[in-house]
N, C-alpha and C. Protein backbone atom coordinates (compact mmCIF):
# COMPACT_ATOMS: atom_id res chain seq x y z
N MET A 1 0.84 -1.18 0.00
CA MET A 1 0.00 0.00 0.00
C MET A 1 0.89 1.25 0.00
N VAL A 2 0.58 2.17 -0.86
CA VAL A 2 1.35 3.41 -1.00
C VAL A 2 0.94 4.39 0.10
N ASN A 3 1.93 5.07 0.68
CA ASN A 3 1.63 6.06 1.71
C ASN A 3 2.24 7.42 1.35
N LEU A 4 2.01 8.41 2.19
CA LEU A 4 2.51 9.76 1.92
C LEU A 4 4.02 9.79 1.81
N GLY A 5 4.70 8.98 2.61
CA GLY A 5 6.15 8.92 2.55
C GLY A 5 6.66 8.45 1.20
N ASP A 6 5.98 7.50 0.61
CA ASP A 6 6.36 7.01 -0.72
C ASP A 6 6.24 8.12 -1.76
N ILE A 7 5.15 8.86 -1.68
CA ILE A 7 4.93 9.95 -2.63
C ILE A 7 5.94 11.06 -2.40
N ALA A 8 6.21 11.37 -1.15
CA ALA A 8 7.19 12.40 -0.82
C ALA A 8 8.57 12.03 -1.37
N LYS A 9 8.95 10.79 -1.18
CA LYS A 9 10.26 10.32 -1.67
C LYS A 9 10.33 10.41 -3.19
N ALA A 10 9.27 10.02 -3.86
CA ALA A 10 9.25 10.01 -5.33
C ALA A 10 9.23 11.42 -5.92
N THR A 11 8.64 12.37 -5.20
CA THR A 11 8.53 13.73 -5.73
C THR A 11 9.64 14.65 -5.24
N GLY A 12 10.24 14.31 -4.11
CA GLY A 12 11.24 15.19 -3.52
C GLY A 12 10.64 16.27 -2.62
N PHE A 13 9.33 16.20 -2.41
CA PHE A 13 8.66 17.14 -1.51
C PHE A 13 8.53 16.50 -0.14
N SER A 14 8.29 17.32 0.87
CA SER A 14 8.12 16.80 2.22
C SER A 14 6.78 16.07 2.36
N LYS A 15 6.69 15.23 3.38
CA LYS A 15 5.41 14.55 3.65
C LYS A 15 4.33 15.57 3.98
N ALA A 16 4.71 16.66 4.63
CA ALA A 16 3.73 17.70 4.97
C ALA A 16 3.17 18.33 3.70
N THR A 17 4.03 18.62 2.73
CA THR A 17 3.57 19.20 1.47
C THR A 17 2.65 18.23 0.75
N VAL A 18 3.05 16.99 0.67
CA VAL A 18 2.23 15.97 0.00
C VAL A 18 0.87 15.86 0.68
N SER A 19 0.88 15.80 1.99
CA SER A 19 -0.37 15.68 2.74
C SER A 19 -1.30 16.86 2.48
N ARG A 20 -0.75 18.06 2.51
CA ARG A 20 -1.58 19.25 2.34
C ARG A 20 -2.11 19.37 0.91
N VAL A 21 -1.30 18.98 -0.06
CA VAL A 21 -1.78 19.00 -1.45
C VAL A 21 -2.91 17.99 -1.62
N LEU A 22 -2.70 16.77 -1.15
CA LEU A 22 -3.69 15.72 -1.36
C LEU A 22 -4.97 15.94 -0.55
N SER A 23 -4.86 16.65 0.55
CA SER A 23 -6.06 16.92 1.36
C SER A 23 -6.84 18.11 0.83
N GLY A 24 -6.22 18.88 -0.08
CA GLY A 24 -6.89 20.05 -0.61
C GLY A 24 -6.94 21.19 0.39
N ASP A 25 -5.98 21.23 1.30
CA ASP A 25 -5.93 22.26 2.35
C ASP A 25 -6.00 23.65 1.73
N PRO A 26 -7.09 24.39 1.94
CA PRO A 26 -7.26 25.71 1.32
C PRO A 26 -6.30 26.76 1.87
N SER A 27 -5.72 26.54 3.04
CA SER A 27 -4.80 27.51 3.61
C SER A 27 -3.37 27.31 3.11
N PHE A 28 -3.15 26.25 2.34
CA PHE A 28 -1.81 25.92 1.85
C PHE A 28 -1.62 26.49 0.45
N THR A 29 -0.61 27.33 0.30
CA THR A 29 -0.30 27.91 -1.00
C THR A 29 0.88 27.14 -1.61
N ALA A 30 0.64 26.54 -2.75
CA ALA A 30 1.69 25.82 -3.46
C ALA A 30 1.59 26.15 -4.94
N LYS A 31 2.73 26.08 -5.61
CA LYS A 31 2.72 26.29 -7.06
C LYS A 31 1.85 25.24 -7.72
N GLU A 32 1.23 25.62 -8.81
CA GLU A 32 0.41 24.66 -9.56
C GLU A 32 1.25 23.47 -10.01
N SER A 33 2.52 23.72 -10.36
CA SER A 33 3.39 22.62 -10.79
C SER A 33 3.64 21.63 -9.65
N THR A 34 3.71 22.13 -8.42
CA THR A 34 3.87 21.26 -7.26
C THR A 34 2.64 20.40 -7.08
N ARG A 35 1.48 21.03 -7.11
CA ARG A 35 0.22 20.29 -6.96
C ARG A 35 0.09 19.23 -8.05
N HIS A 36 0.38 19.62 -9.27
CA HIS A 36 0.27 18.70 -10.40
C HIS A 36 1.20 17.50 -10.21
N ARG A 37 2.44 17.75 -9.82
CA ARG A 37 3.42 16.68 -9.67
C ARG A 37 3.01 15.71 -8.56
N VAL A 38 2.57 16.24 -7.43
CA VAL A 38 2.16 15.38 -6.32
C VAL A 38 0.99 14.50 -6.75
N ILE A 39 -0.01 15.09 -7.38
CA ILE A 39 -1.18 14.33 -7.82
C ILE A 39 -0.81 13.31 -8.89
N GLN A 40 0.06 13.70 -9.82
CA GLN A 40 0.50 12.80 -10.87
C GLN A 40 1.21 11.58 -10.28
N VAL A 41 2.14 11.81 -9.38
CA VAL A 41 2.88 10.70 -8.77
C VAL A 41 1.96 9.84 -7.91
N ALA A 42 1.05 10.46 -7.19
CA ALA A 42 0.09 9.70 -6.38
C ALA A 42 -0.70 8.74 -7.27
N ASN A 43 -1.15 9.24 -8.41
CA ASN A 43 -1.88 8.39 -9.35
C ASN A 43 -1.00 7.27 -9.89
N GLU A 44 0.22 7.61 -10.29
CA GLU A 44 1.13 6.62 -10.86
C GLU A 44 1.45 5.50 -9.87
N LEU A 45 1.57 5.86 -8.60
CA LEU A 45 1.90 4.87 -7.57
C LEU A 45 0.67 4.12 -7.07
N GLY A 46 -0.50 4.55 -7.48
CA GLY A 46 -1.73 3.88 -7.06
C GLY A 46 -2.19 4.28 -5.67
N TYR A 47 -1.87 5.49 -5.27
CA TYR A 47 -2.28 5.96 -3.94
C TYR A 47 -3.79 5.99 -3.83
N ALA A 48 -4.31 5.40 -2.76
CA ALA A 48 -5.75 5.36 -2.53
C ALA A 48 -6.12 6.45 -1.54
N LEU A 49 -6.62 7.54 -2.05
CA LEU A 49 -7.01 8.68 -1.23
C LEU A 49 -8.35 8.41 -0.57
N ARG A 50 -8.46 8.75 0.68
CA ARG A 50 -9.75 8.64 1.38
C ARG A 50 -10.61 9.80 0.92
N THR A 51 -11.55 9.52 0.05
CA THR A 51 -12.35 10.59 -0.55
C THR A 51 -13.16 11.36 0.46
N SER A 52 -13.50 10.77 1.57
CA SER A 52 -14.27 11.49 2.58
C SER A 52 -13.45 12.58 3.25
N ARG A 53 -12.13 12.52 3.11
CA ARG A 53 -11.26 13.51 3.75
C ARG A 53 -10.65 14.48 2.76
N SER A 54 -10.98 14.37 1.51
CA SER A 54 -10.34 15.21 0.50
C SER A 54 -11.35 16.04 -0.27
N SER A 55 -10.87 17.19 -0.71
CA SER A 55 -11.74 18.04 -1.50
C SER A 55 -11.27 18.15 -2.94
N ILE A 56 -10.23 17.38 -3.32
CA ILE A 56 -9.74 17.43 -4.70
C ILE A 56 -9.74 16.04 -5.31
N PRO A 57 -10.05 15.96 -6.59
CA PRO A 57 -9.99 14.66 -7.27
C PRO A 57 -8.57 14.35 -7.72
N LEU A 58 -8.23 13.09 -7.81
CA LEU A 58 -6.91 12.68 -8.28
C LEU A 58 -6.99 12.20 -9.73
N THR A 59 -7.61 12.97 -10.58
CA THR A 59 -7.71 12.60 -11.99
C THR A 59 -7.14 13.66 -12.88
């Protein structure tokens, strides 16, 4: 099972950044390229996001 640490390692971003991007944290400001990369890698690795806790789609 893929976790935030796996995505962080693959992207080079911190686990905190990955978590905030994937959760759709509205108070977190990140470049669009950062958001795109995190979501892209999450999809590639097969990360299963808990949809009840997220406000962004991984598509």
